[in-house]
């Protein structure tokens, strides 16, 4: 599942703690990774990370950052 946040990110967008839901209250459960569904992973500035994306429904986008 993916959630589209408001336009204008990173200058505007969801507040910290609401990034997974995109600031959309319908998806608020995604903002609580300790609900027993999956663990949280600490992410620190300056470290490298590898992410794999699996897109199941293509959507047009303004840009990707």
N, C-alpha and C. Protein backbone atom coordinates (compact mmCIF):
# COMPACT_ATOMS: atom_id res chain seq x y z
N UNK A 1 0.84 -1.17 0.00
CA UNK A 1 0.00 0.00 0.00
C UNK A 1 0.88 1.23 0.00
N UNK A 2 0.52 2.19 -0.77
CA UNK A 2 1.20 3.48 -0.72
C UNK A 2 0.17 4.57 -0.47
N UNK A 3 0.63 5.64 0.12
CA UNK A 3 -0.24 6.76 0.44
C UNK A 3 0.37 8.00 -0.17
N UNK A 4 -0.42 8.73 -0.93
CA UNK A 4 0.08 9.96 -1.54
C UNK A 4 -0.14 11.12 -0.58
N UNK A 5 0.93 11.85 -0.32
CA UNK A 5 0.84 13.01 0.56
C UNK A 5 0.46 14.24 -0.23
N UNK A 6 0.33 15.35 0.45
CA UNK A 6 -0.04 16.60 -0.22
C UNK A 6 1.07 17.09 -1.14
N UNK A 7 0.72 17.87 -2.13
CA UNK A 7 1.70 18.44 -3.06
C UNK A 7 2.61 19.42 -2.32
N UNK A 8 3.83 19.60 -2.83
CA UNK A 8 4.73 20.59 -2.27
C UNK A 8 5.82 20.03 -1.37
N UNK A 9 5.88 18.72 -1.18
CA UNK A 9 6.91 18.12 -0.35
C UNK A 9 8.27 18.33 -1.00
N UNK A 10 9.33 18.70 -0.34
CA UNK A 10 9.51 18.74 1.10
C UNK A 10 9.25 20.10 1.74
N UNK A 11 8.98 21.15 0.95
CA UNK A 11 8.71 22.47 1.53
C UNK A 11 7.44 22.45 2.38
N UNK A 12 6.49 21.64 1.99
CA UNK A 12 5.25 21.46 2.73
C UNK A 12 4.94 19.98 2.72
N UNK A 13 4.13 19.54 3.60
CA UNK A 13 3.78 18.13 3.62
C UNK A 13 3.44 17.67 5.01
N UNK A 14 3.37 16.37 5.22
CA UNK A 14 2.96 15.85 6.52
C UNK A 14 4.00 16.16 7.60
N UNK A 15 3.52 16.35 8.80
CA UNK A 15 4.39 16.61 9.95
C UNK A 15 5.13 15.34 10.34
N UNK A 16 6.27 15.50 11.03
CA UNK A 16 6.97 14.34 11.57
C UNK A 16 5.99 13.53 12.41
N UNK A 17 6.09 12.23 12.30
CA UNK A 17 5.17 11.35 13.01
C UNK A 17 3.92 11.03 12.21
N UNK A 18 3.73 11.73 11.08
CA UNK A 18 2.57 11.48 10.23
C UNK A 18 3.00 11.26 8.78
N UNK A 19 4.29 10.98 8.59
CA UNK A 19 4.81 10.82 7.24
C UNK A 19 4.25 9.57 6.56
N UNK A 20 4.17 8.44 7.29
CA UNK A 20 3.70 7.20 6.67
C UNK A 20 2.26 7.31 6.18
N UNK A 21 1.43 8.06 6.89
CA UNK A 21 0.03 8.22 6.48
C UNK A 21 -0.13 9.34 5.47
N UNK A 22 0.95 10.07 5.19
CA UNK A 22 0.86 11.22 4.30
C UNK A 22 0.04 12.35 4.90
N UNK A 23 -0.17 12.31 6.22
CA UNK A 23 -0.99 13.33 6.87
C UNK A 23 -2.48 13.09 6.68
N UNK A 24 -2.84 11.92 6.14
CA UNK A 24 -4.23 11.58 5.86
C UNK A 24 -4.76 10.74 7.02
N UNK A 25 -5.72 11.25 7.76
CA UNK A 25 -6.22 10.56 8.95
C UNK A 25 -6.81 9.19 8.65
N UNK A 26 -7.24 8.95 7.41
CA UNK A 26 -7.77 7.62 7.05
C UNK A 26 -6.70 6.54 7.14
N UNK A 27 -5.43 6.93 7.07
CA UNK A 27 -4.33 5.98 7.11
C UNK A 27 -3.47 6.16 8.36
N UNK A 28 -4.04 6.72 9.42
CA UNK A 28 -3.29 7.03 10.64
C UNK A 28 -2.63 5.81 11.26
N UNK A 29 -3.17 4.61 11.07
CA UNK A 29 -2.56 3.41 11.63
C UNK A 29 -1.15 3.18 11.10
N UNK A 30 -0.86 3.69 9.92
CA UNK A 30 0.48 3.53 9.36
C UNK A 30 1.53 4.32 10.13
N UNK A 31 1.10 5.32 10.88
CA UNK A 31 2.03 6.15 11.65
C UNK A 31 2.43 5.51 12.97
N UNK A 32 1.87 4.36 13.31
CA UNK A 32 2.16 3.70 14.58
C UNK A 32 2.78 2.33 14.31
N UNK A 33 4.09 2.28 14.00
CA UNK A 33 4.70 1.00 13.66
C UNK A 33 4.81 0.05 14.84
N UNK A 34 4.56 0.50 16.04
CA UNK A 34 4.65 -0.38 17.21
C UNK A 34 3.31 -1.03 17.56
N UNK A 35 2.36 -0.97 16.65
CA UNK A 35 1.06 -1.59 16.90
C UNK A 35 1.13 -3.10 16.75
N UNK A 36 2.35 -3.64 16.61
CA UNK A 36 2.50 -5.08 16.50
C UNK A 36 2.58 -5.58 15.07
N UNK A 37 2.50 -4.69 14.10
CA UNK A 37 2.49 -5.11 12.70
C UNK A 37 3.89 -5.19 12.10
N UNK A 38 4.78 -4.28 12.46
CA UNK A 38 6.15 -4.30 11.95
C UNK A 38 7.03 -3.45 12.86
N UNK A 39 8.32 -3.75 12.91
CA UNK A 39 9.23 -2.95 13.75
C UNK A 39 9.66 -1.67 13.06
N UNK A 40 10.03 -0.69 13.84
CA UNK A 40 10.58 0.55 13.30
C UNK A 40 12.09 0.38 13.12
N UNK A 41 12.65 1.06 12.15
CA UNK A 41 14.09 1.04 11.91
C UNK A 41 14.63 2.45 12.07
N UNK A 42 15.58 2.66 12.97
CA UNK A 42 16.15 4.00 13.12
C UNK A 42 16.87 4.42 11.84
N UNK A 43 16.65 5.64 11.40
CA UNK A 43 17.30 6.19 10.21
C UNK A 43 18.05 7.43 10.66
N UNK A 44 19.35 7.46 10.37
CA UNK A 44 20.18 8.58 10.81
C UNK A 44 20.73 9.32 9.61
N UNK A 45 20.81 10.63 9.72
CA UNK A 45 21.38 11.47 8.66
C UNK A 45 22.83 11.07 8.42
N UNK A 46 23.23 11.06 7.17
CA UNK A 46 24.61 10.78 6.81
C UNK A 46 24.91 9.32 6.53
N UNK A 47 24.00 8.42 6.87
CA UNK A 47 24.20 7.01 6.58
C UNK A 47 23.56 6.67 5.25
N UNK A 48 24.07 5.64 4.58
CA UNK A 48 23.48 5.18 3.33
C UNK A 48 22.44 4.10 3.59
N UNK A 49 21.39 4.11 2.81
CA UNK A 49 20.33 3.11 2.93
C UNK A 49 19.94 2.64 1.54
N UNK A 50 19.49 1.41 1.45
CA UNK A 50 18.99 0.87 0.20
C UNK A 50 17.51 0.57 0.38
N UNK A 51 16.69 1.09 -0.52
CA UNK A 51 15.25 0.86 -0.48
C UNK A 51 14.83 0.16 -1.76
N UNK A 52 13.90 -0.75 -1.65
CA UNK A 52 13.32 -1.41 -2.82
C UNK A 52 11.86 -1.00 -2.91
N UNK A 53 11.45 -0.53 -4.08
CA UNK A 53 10.07 -0.09 -4.28
C UNK A 53 9.38 -1.08 -5.19
N UNK A 54 8.16 -1.44 -4.84
CA UNK A 54 7.34 -2.30 -5.69
C UNK A 54 6.06 -1.54 -5.96
N UNK A 55 5.93 -1.04 -7.17
CA UNK A 55 4.77 -0.24 -7.54
C UNK A 55 3.73 -1.14 -8.18
N UNK A 56 2.55 -1.20 -7.59
CA UNK A 56 1.50 -2.06 -8.11
C UNK A 56 0.43 -1.29 -8.86
N UNK A 57 0.40 0.01 -8.70
CA UNK A 57 -0.56 0.86 -9.41
C UNK A 57 0.17 2.12 -9.83
N UNK A 58 0.44 2.25 -11.10
CA UNK A 58 1.19 3.41 -11.58
C UNK A 58 0.35 4.68 -11.53
N UNK A 59 1.00 5.76 -11.07
CA UNK A 59 0.36 7.06 -11.00
C UNK A 59 1.33 8.10 -11.52
N UNK A 60 0.80 9.13 -12.13
CA UNK A 60 1.65 10.24 -12.57
C UNK A 60 2.13 11.00 -11.34
N UNK A 61 3.33 11.56 -11.42
CA UNK A 61 3.87 12.34 -10.32
C UNK A 61 4.53 13.60 -10.86
N UNK A 62 4.57 14.62 -10.03
CA UNK A 62 5.24 15.86 -10.41
C UNK A 62 6.74 15.67 -10.39
N UNK A 63 7.25 15.06 -9.30
CA UNK A 63 8.66 14.72 -9.18
C UNK A 63 8.83 13.71 -8.06
N UNK A 64 10.04 13.20 -7.92
CA UNK A 64 10.32 12.23 -6.88
C UNK A 64 11.61 12.64 -6.21
N UNK A 65 11.58 12.89 -4.89
CA UNK A 65 12.78 13.30 -4.15
C UNK A 65 13.00 12.40 -2.97
